[in-house]
Structures are given as C-alpha cells and as structure tokens.
C-alpha cells in the first residue's frame, strides 16, 4: 500500500549518536509532504480525466459502431433500391418493346390493308375508265351517224303551228 502524506508526517525516526539534524529532516519531510500531496491531487485529477476520457471514448466508440451499422444498412438499402430500379427498368424496357412490336405489327397490317385497297381502287378505276371510254365512243358513234343529217333535212312548217296556236287561244 502506498504512503500517504499523513504516513510521512507521522513517521518517527530513532535517534542515533551522530544523526541528522532534526529541523532539517522535519523541514525536508514537510516539503516532501507538500510535493506528495500535490502529486496525489494531480494523480486523482488525471485519473478523473482519464475516467471521463474513457467514458467519452466509450461513447464515441458506441457512436462509431452505430454509424458503421447505419452505413451498412444504408449501403444495403441503396443496393436494394439499385436492384429494384434495374428490375423496374428491365420491365419497362420489355413492356416498351412489346408495345413497339404491337404498334409495328398493327402498322404493317394497316399498310397491307391500304395497299390492297389501293390495288382494288386501281382495278376499279381501270374498269371505270374502260366503261367511260366505251360510253364516250358510243356517244361519238351516235354523233357520227346519218340520223343527224336526216333530222336537219326535216322541215317543219311553222306557219301551220302558228295557226293552230291561234285557234287554241280563241277557245
């Protein structure tokens, strides 16, 4: 067990024939007591500070551990979000590709139908053109007939018609 300042103060030395001078020894012991008390106070203060520092280090260690766990959790959450985003992006791309295929197929079907309609209209226009040509040619043939000349030669006496009309007005 370490010495206390009280132990140093109460220490009695035996007297010898040619011993040290008592006043000098007592004075030196008083100085040792003061220094020893000061060292003990400093030691106590340092122990208190060390205890506080240990507590703070423990607190910071706890915070560090908590932060490390939080970082790990955040990294795992970020990874999960990234994986989910990739899955969702793949689904969106697949859906877009399906829609694009559907739209392309519908467009091709419409284009085929329109091409068939165009072909049908071309056929109908040829038929109409031929029929119209035949009608025009028939009408031209009619104009070229001799019947027109006969009509031109036919002479109506309008005086007879005028007389008939006058008679009718009288009645």
C-alpha atoms as a PDB file:
ATOM      1  CA  UNK A   1       0.000   0.000   0.000  1.00  0.00           C
ATOM      2  CA  UNK A   2       1.397   3.423  -0.989  1.00  0.00           C
ATOM      3  CA  UNK A   3       2.396   6.011   1.572  1.00  0.00           C
ATOM      4  CA  UNK A   4       0.046   8.841   2.352  1.00  0.00           C
ATOM      5  CA  UNK A   5       1.145  12.350   3.351  1.00  0.00           C
ATOM      6  CA  UNK A   6      -0.127  11.535   6.871  1.00  0.00           C
ATOM      7  CA  UNK A   7       2.176   8.480   6.980  1.00  0.00           C
ATOM      8  CA  UNK A   8       5.125  10.671   6.062  1.00  0.00           C
ATOM      9  CA  UNK A   9       4.107  13.292   8.646  1.00  0.00           C
ATOM     10  CA  UNK A  10       3.709  10.781  11.478  1.00  0.00           C
ATOM     11  CA  UNK A  11       6.918   8.914  10.717  1.00  0.00           C
ATOM     12  CA  UNK A  12       9.264   8.943  13.693  1.00  0.00           C
ATOM     13  CA  UNK A  13      12.887   8.152  13.325  1.00  0.00           C
ATOM     14  CA  UNK A  14      15.013   6.736  16.076  1.00  0.00           C
ATOM     15  CA  UNK A  15      17.814   8.872  17.410  1.00  0.00           C
ATOM     16  CA  UNK A  16      21.324   7.954  16.794  1.00  0.00           C
ATOM     17  CA  UNK A  17      24.561   9.262  18.192  1.00  0.00           C
ATOM     18  CA  UNK A  18      25.543  11.285  15.290  1.00  0.00           C
ATOM     19  CA  UNK A  19      22.170  11.552  13.483  1.00  0.00           C
ATOM     20  CA  UNK A  20      20.838  14.129  11.111  1.00  0.00           C
ATOM     21  CA  UNK A  21      19.693  17.476  12.325  1.00  0.00           C
ATOM     22  CA  UNK A  22      16.096  17.136  13.303  1.00  0.00           C
ATOM     23  CA  UNK A  23      14.950  20.536  11.989  1.00  0.00           C
ATOM     24  CA  UNK A  24      16.411  19.936   8.549  1.00  0.00           C
ATOM     25  CA  UNK A  25      14.857  16.468   8.374  1.00  0.00           C
ATOM     26  CA  UNK A  26      11.460  17.834   9.514  1.00  0.00           C
ATOM     27  CA  UNK A  27      11.698  20.682   7.007  1.00  0.00           C
ATOM     28  CA  UNK A  28      12.622  18.267   4.234  1.00  0.00           C
ATOM     29  CA  UNK A  29       9.777  15.936   5.263  1.00  0.00           C
ATOM     30  CA  UNK A  30       7.346  18.889   5.203  1.00  0.00           C
ATOM     31  CA  UNK A  31       8.497  19.672   1.670  1.00  0.00           C
ATOM     32  CA  UNK A  32       8.078  16.004   0.688  1.00  0.00           C
ATOM     33  CA  UNK A  33       4.566  16.008   2.249  1.00  0.00           C
ATOM     34  CA  UNK A  34       3.576  19.073   0.204  1.00  0.00           C
ATOM     35  CA  UNK A  35       5.011  17.648  -3.008  1.00  0.00           C
ATOM     36  CA  UNK A  36       3.475  14.263  -2.302  1.00  0.00           C
ATOM     37  CA  UNK A  37       0.037  15.822  -1.608  1.00  0.00           C
ATOM     38  CA  UNK A  38       0.324  17.807  -4.833  1.00  0.00           C
ATOM     39  CA  UNK A  39       1.278  14.666  -6.777  1.00  0.00           C
ATOM     40  CA  UNK A  40      -1.623  12.755  -5.239  1.00  0.00           C
ATOM     41  CA  UNK A  41      -4.069  15.557  -6.213  1.00  0.00           C
ATOM     42  CA  UNK A  42      -2.644  15.618  -9.728  1.00  0.00           C
ATOM     43  CA  UNK A  43      -2.881  11.838  -9.878  1.00  0.00           C
ATOM     44  CA  UNK A  44      -6.519  11.998  -8.733  1.00  0.00           C
ATOM     45  CA  UNK A  45      -7.302  14.726 -11.296  1.00  0.00           C
ATOM     46  CA  UNK A  46      -5.575  12.733 -14.025  1.00  0.00           C
ATOM     47  CA  UNK A  47      -7.474   9.589 -13.003  1.00  0.00           C
ATOM     48  CA  UNK A  48     -10.742  11.576 -13.114  1.00  0.00           C
ATOM     49  CA  UNK A  49      -9.823  12.992 -16.518  1.00  0.00           C
ATOM     50  CA  UNK A  50      -8.807   9.530 -17.705  1.00  0.00           C
ATOM     51  CA  UNK A  51     -12.134   8.157 -16.479  1.00  0.00           C
ATOM     52  CA  UNK A  52     -14.026  10.939 -18.299  1.00  0.00           C
ATOM     53  CA  UNK A  53     -11.914  10.391 -21.399  1.00  0.00           C
ATOM     54  CA  UNK A  54     -12.579   6.652 -21.230  1.00  0.00           C
ATOM     55  CA  UNK A  55     -16.291   7.365 -20.907  1.00  0.00           C
ATOM     56  CA  UNK A  56     -16.155   9.727 -23.890  1.00  0.00           C
ATOM     57  CA  UNK A  57     -14.109   7.213 -25.894  1.00  0.00           C
ATOM     58  CA  UNK A  58     -16.700   4.578 -24.979  1.00  0.00           C
ATOM     59  CA  UNK A  59     -19.468   6.948 -26.062  1.00  0.00           C
ATOM     60  CA  UNK A  60     -17.676   7.732 -29.319  1.00  0.00           C
ATOM     61  CA  UNK A  61     -16.980   4.043 -29.862  1.00  0.00           C
ATOM     62  CA  UNK A  62     -20.698   3.386 -29.436  1.00  0.00           C
ATOM     63  CA  UNK A  63     -21.488   6.199 -31.880  1.00  0.00           C
ATOM     64  CA  UNK A  64     -18.883   4.846 -34.308  1.00  0.00           C
ATOM     65  CA  UNK A  65     -20.372   1.358 -34.090  1.00  0.00           C
ATOM     66  CA  UNK A  66     -23.864   2.776 -34.588  1.00  0.00           C
ATOM     67  CA  UNK A  67     -22.659   4.842 -37.554  1.00  0.00           C
ATOM     68  CA  UNK A  68     -20.922   1.838 -39.088  1.00  0.00           C
ATOM     69  CA  UNK A  69     -24.103  -0.202 -38.721  1.00  0.00           C
ATOM     70  CA  UNK A  70     -26.110   2.693 -40.162  1.00  0.00           C
ATOM     71  CA  UNK A  71     -23.720   2.931 -43.102  1.00  0.00           C
ATOM     72  CA  UNK A  72     -24.009  -0.801 -43.714  1.00  0.00           C
ATOM     73  CA  UNK A  73     -27.812  -0.570 -43.532  1.00  0.00           C
ATOM     74  CA  UNK A  74     -27.789   2.459 -45.860  1.00  0.00           C
ATOM     75  CA  UNK A  75     -25.495   0.653 -48.305  1.00  0.00           C
ATOM     76  CA  UNK A  76     -27.745  -2.404 -48.250  1.00  0.00           C
ATOM     77  CA  UNK A  77     -30.810  -0.200 -48.761  1.00  0.00           C
ATOM     78  CA  UNK A  78     -29.079   1.616 -51.614  1.00  0.00           C
ATOM     79  CA  UNK A  79     -28.126  -1.706 -53.180  1.00  0.00           C
ATOM     80  CA  UNK A  80     -31.715  -2.934 -52.811  1.00  0.00           C
ATOM     81  CA  UNK A  81     -33.024   0.279 -54.390  1.00  0.00           C
ATOM     82  CA  UNK A  82     -30.500  -0.091 -57.213  1.00  0.00           C
ATOM     83  CA  UNK A  83     -31.525  -3.717 -57.809  1.00  0.00           C
ATOM     84  CA  UNK A  84     -35.214  -2.801 -57.732  1.00  0.00           C
ATOM     85  CA  UNK A  85     -34.577   0.098 -60.118  1.00  0.00           C
ATOM     86  CA  UNK A  86     -32.776  -2.212 -62.515  1.00  0.00           C
ATOM     87  CA  UNK A  87     -35.631  -4.730 -62.368  1.00  0.00           C
ATOM     88  CA  UNK A  88     -38.173  -1.983 -62.943  1.00  0.00           C
ATOM     89  CA  UNK A  89     -36.126  -0.573 -65.814  1.00  0.00           C
ATOM     90  CA  UNK A  90     -35.947  -4.024 -67.419  1.00  0.00           C
ATOM     91  CA  UNK A  91     -39.711  -4.423 -67.037  1.00  0.00           C
ATOM     92  CA  UNK A  92     -40.301  -1.005 -68.572  1.00  0.00           C
ATOM     93  CA  UNK A  93     -37.989  -1.833 -71.485  1.00  0.00           C
ATOM     94  CA  UNK A  94     -39.729  -5.183 -72.031  1.00  0.00           C
ATOM     95  CA  UNK A  95     -43.142  -3.507 -71.940  1.00  0.00           C
ATOM     96  CA  UNK A  96     -41.955  -0.810 -74.344  1.00  0.00           C
ATOM     97  CA  UNK A  97     -40.570  -3.463 -76.703  1.00  0.00           C
ATOM     98  CA  UNK A  98     -43.887  -5.334 -76.590  1.00  0.00           C
ATOM     99  CA  UNK A  99     -45.783  -2.132 -77.314  1.00  0.00           C
ATOM    100  CA  UNK A 100     -43.374  -1.265 -80.108  1.00  0.00           C
ATOM    101  CA  UNK A 101     -43.816  -4.736 -81.645  1.00  0.00           C
ATOM    102  CA  UNK A 102     -47.585  -4.434 -81.348  1.00  0.00           C
ATOM    103  CA  UNK A 103     -47.564  -0.970 -82.943  1.00  0.00           C
ATOM    104  CA  UNK A 104     -45.272  -2.139 -85.755  1.00  0.00           C
ATOM    105  CA  UNK A 105     -47.467  -5.188 -86.390  1.00  0.00           C
ATOM    106  CA  UNK A 106     -50.617  -3.061 -86.416  1.00  0.00           C
ATOM    107  CA  UNK A 107     -48.940  -0.588 -88.773  1.00  0.00           C
ATOM    108  CA  UNK A 108     -47.853  -3.377 -91.111  1.00  0.00           C
ATOM    109  CA  UNK A 109     -51.380  -4.807 -91.093  1.00  0.00           C
ATOM    110  CA  UNK A 110     -52.846  -1.381 -91.870  1.00  0.00           C
ATOM    111  CA  UNK A 111     -50.239  -0.809 -94.588  1.00  0.00           C
ATOM    112  CA  UNK A 112     -51.116  -4.174 -96.191  1.00  0.00           C
ATOM    113  CA  UNK A 113     -54.834  -3.371 -95.994  1.00  0.00           C
ATOM    114  CA  UNK A 114     -54.272   0.070 -97.540  1.00  0.00           C
ATOM    115  CA  UNK A 115     -52.085  -1.447-100.287  1.00  0.00           C
ATOM    116  CA  UNK A 116     -54.869  -3.944-101.058  1.00  0.00           C
ATOM    117  CA  UNK A 117     -57.427  -1.117-101.113  1.00  0.00           C
ATOM    118  CA  UNK A 118     -55.190   0.859-103.460  1.00  0.00           C
ATOM    119  CA  UNK A 119     -54.897  -2.160-105.769  1.00  0.00           C
ATOM    120  CA  UNK A 120     -58.686  -2.573-105.677  1.00  0.00           C
ATOM    121  CA  UNK A 121     -59.166   1.134-106.456  1.00  0.00           C
ATOM    122  CA  UNK A 122     -56.735   0.855-109.368  1.00  0.00           C
ATOM    123  CA  UNK A 123     -58.713  -2.063-110.760  1.00  0.00           C
ATOM    124  CA  UNK A 124     -61.985  -0.177-110.307  1.00  0.00           C
ATOM    125  CA  UNK A 125     -60.548   2.942-111.965  1.00  0.00           C
ATOM    126  CA  UNK A 126     -59.424   0.842-114.957  1.00  0.00           C
ATOM    127  CA  UNK A 127     -62.890  -0.650-115.218  1.00  0.00           C
ATOM    128  CA  UNK A 128     -64.490   2.810-114.896  1.00  0.00           C
ATOM    129  CA  UNK A 129     -62.089   4.257-117.465  1.00  0.00           C
ATOM    130  CA  UNK A 130     -62.838   1.490-119.931  1.00  0.00           C
ATOM    131  CA  UNK A 131     -66.584   1.859-119.393  1.00  0.00           C
ATOM    132  CA  UNK A 132     -66.378   5.633-119.701  1.00  0.00           C
ATOM    133  CA  UNK A 133     -64.298   5.290-122.885  1.00  0.00           C
ATOM    134  CA  UNK A 134     -66.873   2.888-124.273  1.00  0.00           C
ATOM    135  CA  UNK A 135     -69.682   5.333-123.365  1.00  0.00           C
ATOM    136  CA  UNK A 136     -67.869   8.270-124.955  1.00  0.00           C
ATOM    137  CA  UNK A 137     -67.085   6.221-128.051  1.00  0.00           C
ATOM    138  CA  UNK A 138     -70.718   5.125-128.253  1.00  0.00           C
ATOM    139  CA  UNK A 139     -71.826   8.750-127.974  1.00  0.00           C
ATOM    140  CA  UNK A 140     -69.301   9.753-130.668  1.00  0.00           C
ATOM    141  CA  UNK A 141     -70.604   6.971-132.851  1.00  0.00           C
ATOM    142  CA  UNK A 142     -74.094   8.308-132.309  1.00  0.00           C
ATOM    143  CA  UNK A 143     -72.977  11.778-133.329  1.00  0.00           C
ATOM    144  CA  UNK A 144     -71.333  10.410-136.428  1.00  0.00           C
ATOM    145  CA  UNK A 145     -74.489   8.609-137.622  1.00  0.00           C
ATOM    146  CA  UNK A 146     -76.531   9.739-140.607  1.00  0.00           C
ATOM    147  CA  UNK A 147     -79.606  10.284-138.482  1.00  0.00           C
ATOM    148  CA  UNK A 148     -78.414  13.794-137.691  1.00  0.00           C
ATOM    149  CA  UNK A 149     -78.390  14.655-141.359  1.00  0.00           C
ATOM    150  CA  UNK A 150     -81.911  13.335-141.729  1.00  0.00           C
ATOM    151  CA  UNK A 151     -83.067  15.479-138.855  1.00  0.00           C
ATOM    152  CA  UNK A 152     -81.526  18.506-140.404  1.00  0.00           C
ATOM    153  CA  UNK A 153     -83.344  17.840-143.605  1.00  0.00           C
ATOM    154  CA  UNK A 154     -86.683  17.517-141.934  1.00  0.00           C
ATOM    155  CA  UNK A 155     -88.616  20.727-142.463  1.00  0.00           C
ATOM    156  CA  UNK A 156     -91.480  21.774-140.307  1.00  0.00           C
ATOM    157  CA  UNK A 157     -93.849  24.401-141.473  1.00  0.00           C
ATOM    158  CA  UNK A 158     -94.139  26.771-138.555  1.00  0.00           C
ATOM    159  CA  UNK A 159     -96.980  28.701-140.102  1.00  0.00           C
ATOM    160  CA  UNK A 160     -99.265  25.775-139.594  1.00  0.00           C
ATOM    161  CA  UNK A 161     -98.234  25.650-135.980  1.00  0.00           C
ATOM    162  CA  UNK A 162     -98.863  29.328-135.542  1.00  0.00           C
ATOM    163  CA  UNK A 163    -102.371  28.976-136.910  1.00  0.00           C
ATOM    164  CA  UNK A 164    -103.091  26.074-134.652  1.00  0.00           C
ATOM    165  CA  UNK A 165    -101.941  28.048-131.702  1.00  0.00           C
ATOM    166  CA  UNK A 166    -104.117  30.992-132.551  1.00  0.00           C
ATOM    167  CA  UNK A 167    -107.147  28.811-132.787  1.00  0.00           C
ATOM    168  CA  UNK A 168    -106.484  27.426-129.468  1.00  0.00           C
ATOM    169  CA  UNK A 169    -106.217  30.797-127.843  1.00  0.00           C
ATOM    170  CA  UNK A 170    -109.619  31.785-129.169  1.00  0.00           C
ATOM    171  CA  UNK A 171    -111.301  28.941-127.477  1.00  0.00           C
END
